């Protein structure tokens, strides 16, 4: 496979509107995405550092989700929203447990 010719082709989910409940779920997923990422980094020996340094394994985002910049939170939220929109687009339904 020629990596230079790779063209991403995500499924278009721009026609999907999420309910208020799913938007609330997206916020929880976004936080958990950060928690999972942080857990993995810490397990690999990374620690907090004011600047990312791959050699020293330091990263400025190894902090609580609530303390992240809005830009960093938005990255995680977009991942969550994209995933939820794809789930709906593919015909799956998410419902609250009763």
PDB file of N, CA and C in Angstrom:
ATOM      1  N   UNK A   1       0.848  -1.188   0.000  1.00  0.00           N
ATOM      2  CA  UNK A   1       0.000   0.000   0.000  1.00  0.00           C
ATOM      3  C   UNK A   1       0.885   1.240   0.000  1.00  0.00           C
ATOM      4  N   UNK A   2       0.580   2.165  -0.881  1.00  0.00           N
ATOM      5  CA  UNK A   2       1.349   3.403  -0.975  1.00  0.00           C
ATOM      6  C   UNK A   2       0.771   4.435  -0.007  1.00  0.00           C
ATOM      7  N   UNK A   3       1.534   4.758   1.028  1.00  0.00           N
ATOM      8  CA  UNK A   3       1.059   5.674   2.061  1.00  0.00           C
ATOM      9  C   UNK A   3       0.898   7.099   1.542  1.00  0.00           C
ATOM     10  N   UNK A   4       1.614   7.461   0.513  1.00  0.00           N
ATOM     11  CA  UNK A   4       1.528   8.826  -0.023  1.00  0.00           C
ATOM     12  C   UNK A   4       0.199   9.086  -0.712  1.00  0.00           C
ATOM     13  N   UNK A   5      -0.487   8.051  -1.145  1.00  0.00           N
ATOM     14  CA  UNK A   5      -1.741   8.237  -1.866  1.00  0.00           C
ATOM     15  C   UNK A   5      -2.966   8.052  -0.975  1.00  0.00           C
ATOM     16  N   UNK A   6      -2.738   7.867   0.309  1.00  0.00           N
ATOM     17  CA  UNK A   6      -3.861   7.679   1.229  1.00  0.00           C
ATOM     18  C   UNK A   6      -4.708   8.941   1.288  1.00  0.00           C
ATOM     19  N   UNK A   7      -6.012   8.765   1.098  1.00  0.00           N
ATOM     20  CA  UNK A   7      -6.966   9.869   1.194  1.00  0.00           C
ATOM     21  C   UNK A   7      -8.054   9.449   2.183  1.00  0.00           C
ATOM     22  N   UNK A   8      -8.100  10.094   3.356  1.00  0.00           N
ATOM     23  CA  UNK A   8      -9.129   9.728   4.343  1.00  0.00           C
ATOM     24  C   UNK A   8     -10.532   9.906   3.771  1.00  0.00           C
ATOM     25  N   UNK A   9     -11.403   8.979   4.080  1.00  0.00           N
ATOM     26  CA  UNK A   9     -12.778   9.033   3.595  1.00  0.00           C
ATOM     27  C   UNK A   9     -13.755   8.717   4.730  1.00  0.00           C
ATOM     28  N   UNK A  10     -13.839   9.633   5.708  1.00  0.00           N
ATOM     29  CA  UNK A  10     -14.780   9.372   6.814  1.00  0.00           C
ATOM     30  C   UNK A  10     -16.222   9.398   6.303  1.00  0.00           C
ATOM     31  N   UNK A  11     -17.058   8.646   6.979  1.00  0.00           N
ATOM     32  CA  UNK A  11     -18.490   8.647   6.644  1.00  0.00           C
ATOM     33  C   UNK A  11     -19.048  10.027   6.983  1.00  0.00           C
ATOM     34  N   UNK A  12     -19.795  10.594   6.046  1.00  0.00           N
ATOM     35  CA  UNK A  12     -20.374  11.924   6.255  1.00  0.00           C
ATOM     36  C   UNK A  12     -21.525  11.826   7.249  1.00  0.00           C
ATOM     37  N   UNK A  13     -21.354  12.489   8.374  1.00  0.00           N
ATOM     38  CA  UNK A  13     -22.401  12.498   9.404  1.00  0.00           C
ATOM     39  C   UNK A  13     -22.961  13.898   9.619  1.00  0.00           C
ATOM     40  N   UNK A  14     -22.723  14.785   8.660  1.00  0.00           N
ATOM     41  CA  UNK A  14     -23.150  16.179   8.823  1.00  0.00           C
ATOM     42  C   UNK A  14     -24.670  16.337   8.863  1.00  0.00           C
ATOM     43  N   UNK A  15     -25.384  15.300   8.427  1.00  0.00           N
ATOM     44  CA  UNK A  15     -26.851  15.368   8.437  1.00  0.00           C
ATOM     45  C   UNK A  15     -27.453  14.850   9.746  1.00  0.00           C
ATOM     46  N   UNK A  16     -26.619  14.474  10.679  1.00  0.00           N
ATOM     47  CA  UNK A  16     -27.098  13.895  11.933  1.00  0.00           C
ATOM     48  C   UNK A  16     -27.148  14.958  13.026  1.00  0.00           C
ATOM     49  N   UNK A  17     -28.340  15.158  13.575  1.00  0.00           N
ATOM     50  CA  UNK A  17     -28.517  16.041  14.727  1.00  0.00           C
ATOM     51  C   UNK A  17     -28.674  15.164  15.961  1.00  0.00           C
ATOM     52  N   UNK A  18     -27.904  15.464  16.974  1.00  0.00           N
ATOM     53  CA  UNK A  18     -27.968  14.684  18.203  1.00  0.00           C
ATOM     54  C   UNK A  18     -28.947  15.311  19.189  1.00  0.00           C
ATOM     55  N   UNK A  19     -29.650  14.473  19.910  1.00  0.00           N
ATOM     56  CA  UNK A  19     -30.590  14.942  20.930  1.00  0.00           C
ATOM     57  C   UNK A  19     -29.812  15.578  22.088  1.00  0.00           C
ATOM     58  N   UNK A  20     -30.518  16.300  22.922  1.00  0.00           N
ATOM     59  CA  UNK A  20     -29.884  16.906  24.098  1.00  0.00           C
ATOM     60  C   UNK A  20     -29.240  15.846  24.984  1.00  0.00           C
ATOM     61  N   UNK A  21     -29.896  14.697  25.095  1.00  0.00           N
ATOM     62  CA  UNK A  21     -29.356  13.612  25.912  1.00  0.00           C
ATOM     63  C   UNK A  21     -28.033  13.102  25.349  1.00  0.00           C
ATOM     64  N   UNK A  22     -27.967  12.976  24.017  1.00  0.00           N
ATOM     65  CA  UNK A  22     -26.720  12.493  23.406  1.00  0.00           C
ATOM     66  C   UNK A  22     -25.627  13.558  23.459  1.00  0.00           C
ATOM     67  N   UNK A  23     -26.006  14.832  23.416  1.00  0.00           N
ATOM     68  CA  UNK A  23     -25.010  15.897  23.565  1.00  0.00           C
ATOM     69  C   UNK A  23     -24.420  15.865  24.974  1.00  0.00           C
ATOM     70  N   UNK A  24     -25.274  15.575  25.952  1.00  0.00           N
ATOM     71  CA  UNK A  24     -24.800  15.446  27.328  1.00  0.00           C
ATOM     72  C   UNK A  24     -23.882  14.231  27.457  1.00  0.00           C
ATOM     73  N   UNK A  25     -24.250  13.158  26.789  1.00  0.00           N
ATOM     74  CA  UNK A  25     -23.416  11.958  26.780  1.00  0.00           C
ATOM     75  C   UNK A  25     -22.066  12.257  26.128  1.00  0.00           C
ATOM     76  N   UNK A  26     -22.065  13.060  25.083  1.00  0.00           N
ATOM     77  CA  UNK A  26     -20.812  13.414  24.402  1.00  0.00           C
ATOM     78  C   UNK A  26     -19.841  14.090  25.362  1.00  0.00           C
ATOM     79  N   UNK A  27     -20.346  14.941  26.235  1.00  0.00           N
ATOM     80  CA  UNK A  27     -19.488  15.593  27.226  1.00  0.00           C
ATOM     81  C   UNK A  27     -18.833  14.557  28.143  1.00  0.00           C
ATOM     82  N   UNK A  28     -19.613  13.566  28.555  1.00  0.00           N
ATOM     83  CA  UNK A  28     -19.075  12.524  29.442  1.00  0.00           C
ATOM     84  C   UNK A  28     -18.059  11.655  28.699  1.00  0.00           C
ATOM     85  N   UNK A  29     -18.354  11.364  27.443  1.00  0.00           N
ATOM     86  CA  UNK A  29     -17.418  10.575  26.637  1.00  0.00           C
ATOM     87  C   UNK A  29     -16.118  11.348  26.443  1.00  0.00           C
ATOM     88  N   UNK A  30     -16.222  12.650  26.168  1.00  0.00           N
ATOM     89  CA  UNK A  30     -15.028  13.475  25.954  1.00  0.00           C
ATOM     90  C   UNK A  30     -14.113  13.427  27.171  1.00  0.00           C
ATOM     91  N   UNK A  31     -14.694  13.550  28.344  1.00  0.00           N
ATOM     92  CA  UNK A  31     -13.893  13.482  29.564  1.00  0.00           C
ATOM     93  C   UNK A  31     -13.234  12.114  29.684  1.00  0.00           C
ATOM     94  N   UNK A  32     -13.996  11.065  29.396  1.00  0.00           N
ATOM     95  CA  UNK A  32     -13.444   9.723  29.505  1.00  0.00           C
ATOM     96  C   UNK A  32     -12.355   9.465  28.466  1.00  0.00           C
ATOM     97  N   UNK A  33     -12.507  10.013  27.271  1.00  0.00           N
ATOM     98  CA  UNK A  33     -11.462   9.896  26.252  1.00  0.00           C
ATOM     99  C   UNK A  33     -10.149  10.442  26.807  1.00  0.00           C
ATOM    100  N   UNK A  34     -10.233  11.588  27.458  1.00  0.00           N
ATOM    101  CA  UNK A  34      -9.028  12.175  28.047  1.00  0.00           C
ATOM    102  C   UNK A  34      -8.482  11.290  29.167  1.00  0.00           C
ATOM    103  N   UNK A  35      -9.375  10.764  29.996  1.00  0.00           N
ATOM    104  CA  UNK A  35      -8.948   9.911  31.099  1.00  0.00           C
ATOM    105  C   UNK A  35      -8.245   8.648  30.583  1.00  0.00           C
ATOM    106  N   UNK A  36      -8.795   8.037  29.544  1.00  0.00           N
ATOM    107  CA  UNK A  36      -8.189   6.832  28.965  1.00  0.00           C
ATOM    108  C   UNK A  36      -6.825   7.162  28.368  1.00  0.00           C
ATOM    109  N   UNK A  37      -6.752   8.275  27.624  1.00  0.00           N
ATOM    110  CA  UNK A  37      -5.475   8.701  27.043  1.00  0.00           C
ATOM    111  C   UNK A  37      -4.448   8.954  28.144  1.00  0.00           C
ATOM    112  N   UNK A  38      -4.843   9.689  29.177  1.00  0.00           N
ATOM    113  CA  UNK A  38      -3.931  10.012  30.277  1.00  0.00           C
ATOM    114  C   UNK A  38      -3.458   8.748  30.990  1.00  0.00           C
ATOM    115  N   UNK A  39      -4.394   7.850  31.254  1.00  0.00           N
ATOM    116  CA  UNK A  39      -4.054   6.604  31.928  1.00  0.00           C
ATOM    117  C   UNK A  39      -2.996   5.836  31.132  1.00  0.00           C
ATOM    118  N   UNK A  40      -3.206   5.747  29.828  1.00  0.00           N
ATOM    119  CA  UNK A  40      -2.250   5.046  28.972  1.00  0.00           C
ATOM    120  C   UNK A  40      -0.881   5.686  28.992  1.00  0.00           C
ATOM    121  N   UNK A  41      -0.845   7.006  28.904  1.00  0.00           N
ATOM    122  CA  UNK A  41       0.436   7.718  28.931  1.00  0.00           C
ATOM    123  C   UNK A  41       1.161   7.489  30.254  1.00  0.00           C
ATOM    124  N   UNK A  42       0.437   7.641  31.366  1.00  0.00           N
ATOM    125  CA  UNK A  42       1.058   7.454  32.678  1.00  0.00           C
ATOM    126  C   UNK A  42       1.582   6.027  32.838  1.00  0.00           C
ATOM    127  N   UNK A  43       0.823   5.076  32.330  1.00  0.00           N
ATOM    128  CA  UNK A  43       1.233   3.671  32.393  1.00  0.00           C
ATOM    129  C   UNK A  43       2.515   3.446  31.580  1.00  0.00           C
ATOM    130  N   UNK A  44       2.701   4.227  30.521  1.00  0.00           N
ATOM    131  CA  UNK A  44       3.896   4.123  29.682  1.00  0.00           C
ATOM    132  C   UNK A  44       5.075   4.915  30.242  1.00  0.00           C
ATOM    133  N   UNK A  45       4.887   5.550  31.408  1.00  0.00           N
ATOM    134  CA  UNK A  45       5.987   6.265  32.041  1.00  0.00           C
ATOM    135  C   UNK A  45       6.027   7.760  31.777  1.00  0.00           C
ATOM    136  N   UNK A  46       4.995   8.296  31.145  1.00  0.00           N
ATOM    137  CA  UNK A  46       4.930   9.726  30.892  1.00  0.00           C
ATOM    138  C   UNK A  46       4.538  10.447  32.176  1.00  0.00           C
ATOM    139  N   UNK A  47       4.841  11.733  32.231  1.00  0.00           N
ATOM    140  CA  UNK A  47       4.442  12.570  33.365  1.00  0.00           C
ATOM    141  C   UNK A  47       4.141  13.973  32.850  1.00  0.00           C
ATOM    142  N   UNK A  48       3.573  14.780  33.732  1.00  0.00           N
ATOM    143  CA  UNK A  48       3.270  16.156  33.362  1.00  0.00           C
ATOM    144  C   UNK A  48       4.560  16.924  33.112  1.00  0.00           C
ATOM    145  N   UNK A  49       4.524  17.774  32.094  1.00  0.00           N
ATOM    146  CA  UNK A  49       5.614  18.702  31.816  1.00  0.00           C
ATOM    147  C   UNK A  49       5.029  19.908  31.110  1.00  0.00           C
ATOM    148  N   UNK A  50       5.610  21.071  31.326  1.00  0.00           N
ATOM    149  CA  UNK A  50       5.085  22.306  30.736  1.00  0.00           C
ATOM    150  C   UNK A  50       5.083  22.256  29.211  1.00  0.00           C
ATOM    151  N   UNK A  51       5.993  21.459  28.640  1.00  0.00           N
ATOM    152  CA  UNK A  51       6.053  21.287  27.184  1.00  0.00           C
ATOM    153  C   UNK A  51       6.149  19.802  26.867  1.00  0.00           C
ATOM    154  N   UNK A  52       5.621  19.428  25.707  1.00  0.00           N
ATOM    155  CA  UNK A  52       5.743  18.027  25.287  1.00  0.00           C
ATOM    156  C   UNK A  52       7.207  17.749  24.951  1.00  0.00           C
ATOM    157  N   UNK A  53       7.694  16.649  25.485  1.00  0.00           N
ATOM    158  CA  UNK A  53       9.058  16.221  25.216  1.00  0.00           C
ATOM    159  C   UNK A  53       9.032  14.702  25.127  1.00  0.00           C
ATOM    160  N   UNK A  54       9.102  14.187  23.900  1.00  0.00           N
ATOM    161  CA  UNK A  54       8.999  12.750  23.701  1.00  0.00           C
ATOM    162  C   UNK A  54      10.167  11.995  24.330  1.00  0.00           C
ATOM    163  N   UNK A  55      11.351  12.584  24.315  1.00  0.00           N
ATOM    164  CA  UNK A  55      12.520  11.922  24.894  1.00  0.00           C
ATOM    165  C   UNK A  55      12.388  11.779  26.405  1.00  0.00           C
ATOM    166  N   UNK A  56      11.866  12.822  27.042  1.00  0.00           N
ATOM    167  CA  UNK A  56      11.700  12.791  28.504  1.00  0.00           C
ATOM    168  C   UNK A  56      10.328  12.290  28.935  1.00  0.00           C
ATOM    169  N   UNK A  57       9.471  12.040  27.946  1.00  0.00           N
ATOM    170  CA  UNK A  57       8.108  11.563  28.183  1.00  0.00           C
ATOM    171  C   UNK A  57       7.330  12.514  29.102  1.00  0.00           C
ATOM    172  N   UNK A  58       7.316  13.786  28.721  1.00  0.00           N
ATOM    173  CA  UNK A  58       6.500  14.764  29.444  1.00  0.00           C
ATOM    174  C   UNK A  58       5.477  15.371  28.489  1.00  0.00           C
ATOM    175  N   UNK A  59       4.326  15.721  29.045  1.00  0.00           N
ATOM    176  CA  UNK A  59       3.243  16.271  28.214  1.00  0.00           C
ATOM    177  C   UNK A  59       2.412  17.244  29.051  1.00  0.00           C
ATOM    178  N   UNK A  60       2.093  18.414  28.496  1.00  0.00           N
ATOM    179  CA  UNK A  60       1.325  19.415  29.250  1.00  0.00           C
ATOM    180  C   UNK A  60      -0.149  19.057  29.447  1.00  0.00           C
ATOM    181  N   UNK A  61      -0.654  18.059  28.741  1.00  0.00           N
ATOM    182  CA  UNK A  61      -2.062  17.694  28.877  1.00  0.00           C
ATOM    183  C   UNK A  61      -2.295  16.589  29.902  1.00  0.00           C
ATOM    184  N   UNK A  62      -1.259  16.190  30.608  1.00  0.00           N
ATOM    185  CA  UNK A  62      -1.442  15.187  31.657  1.00  0.00           C
ATOM    186  C   UNK A  62      -1.907  15.879  32.934  1.00  0.00           C
ATOM    187  N   UNK A  63      -3.106  16.426  32.833  1.00  0.00           N
ATOM    188  CA  UNK A  63      -3.769  17.135  33.922  1.00  0.00           C
ATOM    189  C   UNK A  63      -5.238  16.734  33.892  1.00  0.00           C
ATOM    190  N   UNK A  64      -5.982  17.116  34.908  1.00  0.00           N
ATOM    191  CA  UNK A  64      -7.411  16.812  34.946  1.00  0.00           C
ATOM    192  C   UNK A  64      -8.118  17.442  33.744  1.00  0.00           C
ATOM    193  N   UNK A  65      -9.120  16.752  33.235  1.00  0.00           N
ATOM    194  CA  UNK A  65      -9.880  17.230  32.082  1.00  0.00           C
ATOM    195  C   UNK A  65     -10.378  18.656  32.293  1.00  0.00           C
ATOM    196  N   UNK A  66     -10.867  18.931  33.498  1.00  0.00           N
ATOM    197  CA  UNK A  66     -11.415  20.247  33.809  1.00  0.00           C
ATOM    198  C   UNK A  66     -10.371  21.353  33.687  1.00  0.00           C
ATOM    199  N   UNK A  67      -9.109  21.008  33.812  1.00  0.00           N
ATOM    200  CA  UNK A  67      -8.034  21.995  33.747  1.00  0.00           C
ATOM    201  C   UNK A  67      -7.451  22.173  32.352  1.00  0.00           C
ATOM    202  N   UNK A  68      -7.918  21.389  31.393  1.00  0.00           N
ATOM    203  CA  UNK A  68      -7.436  21.526  30.016  1.00  0.00           C
ATOM    204  C   UNK A  68      -7.908  22.847  29.417  1.00  0.00           C
ATOM    205  N   UNK A  69      -7.189  23.318  28.424  1.00  0.00           N
ATOM    206  CA  UNK A  69      -7.635  24.498  27.683  1.00  0.00           C
ATOM    207  C   UNK A  69      -8.903  24.129  26.919  1.00  0.00           C
ATOM    208  N   UNK A  70      -9.672  25.114  26.549  1.00  0.00           N
ATOM    209  CA  UNK A  70     -10.895  24.865  25.778  1.00  0.00           C
ATOM    210  C   UNK A  70     -10.556  24.186  24.450  1.00  0.00           C
ATOM    211  N   UNK A  71      -9.433  24.536  23.872  1.00  0.00           N
ATOM    212  CA  UNK A  71      -8.997  23.930  22.604  1.00  0.00           C
ATOM    213  C   UNK A  71      -8.764  22.429  22.773  1.00  0.00           C
ATOM    214  N   UNK A  72      -8.117  22.037  23.854  1.00  0.00           N
ATOM    215  CA  UNK A  72      -7.866  20.621  24.106  1.00  0.00           C
ATOM    216  C   UNK A  72      -9.166  19.889  24.412  1.00  0.00           C
ATOM    217  N   UNK A  73     -10.052  20.504  25.178  1.00  0.00           N
ATOM    218  CA  UNK A  73     -11.349  19.887  25.465  1.00  0.00           C
ATOM    219  C   UNK A  73     -12.135  19.692  24.171  1.00  0.00           C
ATOM    220  N   UNK A  74     -12.058  20.668  23.283  1.00  0.00           N
ATOM    221  CA  UNK A  74     -12.788  20.602  22.017  1.00  0.00           C
ATOM    222  C   UNK A  74     -12.321  19.419  21.170  1.00  0.00           C
ATOM    223  N   UNK A  75     -11.018  19.117  21.215  1.00  0.00           N
ATOM    224  CA  UNK A  75     -10.483  17.972  20.477  1.00  0.00           C
ATOM    225  C   UNK A  75     -11.169  16.686  20.945  1.00  0.00           C
ATOM    226  N   UNK A  76     -11.247  16.498  22.265  1.00  0.00           N
ATOM    227  CA  UNK A  76     -11.885  15.304  22.813  1.00  0.00           C
ATOM    228  C   UNK A  76     -13.389  15.301  22.537  1.00  0.00           C
ATOM    229  N   UNK A  77     -14.016  16.463  22.647  1.00  0.00           N
ATOM    230  CA  UNK A  77     -15.450  16.559  22.389  1.00  0.00           C
ATOM    231  C   UNK A  77     -15.763  16.234  20.931  1.00  0.00           C
ATOM    232  N   UNK A  78     -14.960  16.706  20.007  1.00  0.00           N
ATOM    233  CA  UNK A  78     -15.187  16.408  18.588  1.00  0.00           C
ATOM    234  C   UNK A  78     -15.073  14.912  18.310  1.00  0.00           C
ATOM    235  N   UNK A  79     -14.157  14.239  18.999  1.00  0.00           N
ATOM    236  CA  UNK A  79     -14.037  12.792  18.877  1.00  0.00           C
ATOM    237  C   UNK A  79     -15.332  12.127  19.354  1.00  0.00           C
ATOM    238  N   UNK A  80     -15.835  12.558  20.498  1.00  0.00           N
ATOM    239  CA  UNK A  80     -17.060  11.993  21.051  1.00  0.00           C
ATOM    240  C   UNK A  80     -18.260  12.268  20.146  1.00  0.00           C
ATOM    241  N   UNK A  81     -18.399  13.503  19.703  1.00  0.00           N
ATOM    242  CA  UNK A  81     -19.525  13.865  18.836  1.00  0.00           C
ATOM    243  C   UNK A  81     -19.481  13.085  17.523  1.00  0.00           C
ATOM    244  N   UNK A  82     -18.304  12.971  16.941  1.00  0.00           N
ATOM    245  CA  UNK A  82     -18.154  12.226  15.696  1.00  0.00           C
ATOM    246  C   UNK A  82     -18.532  10.764  15.866  1.00  0.00           C
ATOM    247  N   UNK A  83     -18.151  10.192  16.980  1.00  0.00           N
ATOM    248  CA  UNK A  83     -18.474   8.792  17.252  1.00  0.00           C
ATOM    249  C   UNK A  83     -19.978   8.606  17.433  1.00  0.00           C
ATOM    250  N   UNK A  84     -20.604   9.477  18.214  1.00  0.00           N
ATOM    251  CA  UNK A  84     -22.049   9.373  18.420  1.00  0.00           C
ATOM    252  C   UNK A  84     -22.822   9.588  17.120  1.00  0.00           C
ATOM    253  N   UNK A  85     -22.396  10.547  16.322  1.00  0.00           N
ATOM    254  CA  UNK A  85     -23.076  10.776  15.033  1.00  0.00           C
ATOM    255  C   UNK A  85     -22.948   9.553  14.131  1.00  0.00           C
ATOM    256  N   UNK A  86     -21.783   8.924  14.132  1.00  0.00           N
ATOM    257  CA  UNK A  86     -21.584   7.725  13.315  1.00  0.00           C
ATOM    258  C   UNK A  86     -22.482   6.594  13.798  1.00  0.00           C
ATOM    259  N   UNK A  87     -22.580   6.406  15.101  1.00  0.00           N
ATOM    260  CA  UNK A  87     -23.436   5.358  15.657  1.00  0.00           C
ATOM    261  C   UNK A  87     -24.874   5.558  15.177  1.00  0.00           C
ATOM    262  N   UNK A  88     -25.369   6.796  15.250  1.00  0.00           N
ATOM    263  CA  UNK A  88     -26.731   7.102  14.817  1.00  0.00           C
ATOM    264  C   UNK A  88     -26.860   6.908  13.306  1.00  0.00           C
ATOM    265  N   UNK A  89     -25.885   7.376  12.557  1.00  0.00           N
ATOM    266  CA  UNK A  89     -25.905   7.267  11.094  1.00  0.00           C
ATOM    267  C   UNK A  89     -25.989   5.800  10.657  1.00  0.00           C
ATOM    268  N   UNK A  90     -25.305   4.928  11.400  1.00  0.00           N
ATOM    269  CA  UNK A  90     -25.293   3.508  11.055  1.00  0.00           C
ATOM    270  C   UNK A  90     -26.559   2.775  11.493  1.00  0.00           C
ATOM    271  N   UNK A  91     -27.497   3.512  12.124  1.00  0.00           N
ATOM    272  CA  UNK A  91     -28.787   2.938  12.467  1.00  0.00           C
ATOM    273  C   UNK A  91     -28.915   2.401  13.876  1.00  0.00           C
ATOM    274  N   UNK A  92     -27.885   2.581  14.681  1.00  0.00           N
ATOM    275  CA  UNK A  92     -27.969   2.119  16.059  1.00  0.00           C
ATOM    276  C   UNK A  92     -28.710   3.156  16.902  1.00  0.00           C
ATOM    277  N   UNK A  93     -29.308   2.692  17.983  1.00  0.00           N
ATOM    278  CA  UNK A  93     -30.001   3.569  18.895  1.00  0.00           C
ATOM    279  C   UNK A  93     -29.348   3.449  20.265  1.00  0.00           C
ATOM    280  N   UNK A  94     -29.229   4.574  20.930  1.00  0.00           N
ATOM    281  CA  UNK A  94     -28.692   4.615  22.282  1.00  0.00           C
ATOM    282  C   UNK A  94     -29.843   5.039  23.185  1.00  0.00           C
ATOM    283  N   UNK A  95     -30.134   4.230  24.188  1.00  0.00           N
ATOM    284  CA  UNK A  95     -31.222   4.584  25.091  1.00  0.00           C
ATOM    285  C   UNK A  95     -30.747   4.463  26.526  1.00  0.00           C
ATOM    286  N   UNK A  96     -31.385   5.230  27.392  1.00  0.00           N
ATOM    287  CA  UNK A  96     -31.081   5.184  28.811  1.00  0.00           C
ATOM    288  C   UNK A  96     -31.630   3.900  29.396  1.00  0.00           C
ATOM    289  N   UNK A  97     -30.868   3.345  30.300  1.00  0.00           N
ATOM    290  CA  UNK A  97     -31.335   2.174  31.028  1.00  0.00           C
ATOM    291  C   UNK A  97     -32.476   2.597  31.948  1.00  0.00           C
ATOM    292  N   UNK A  98     -33.516   1.812  31.997  1.00  0.00           N
ATOM    293  CA  UNK A  98     -34.625   2.195  32.882  1.00  0.00           C
ATOM    294  C   UNK A  98     -34.567   1.489  34.203  1.00  0.00           C
TER     295      UNK A  98
END
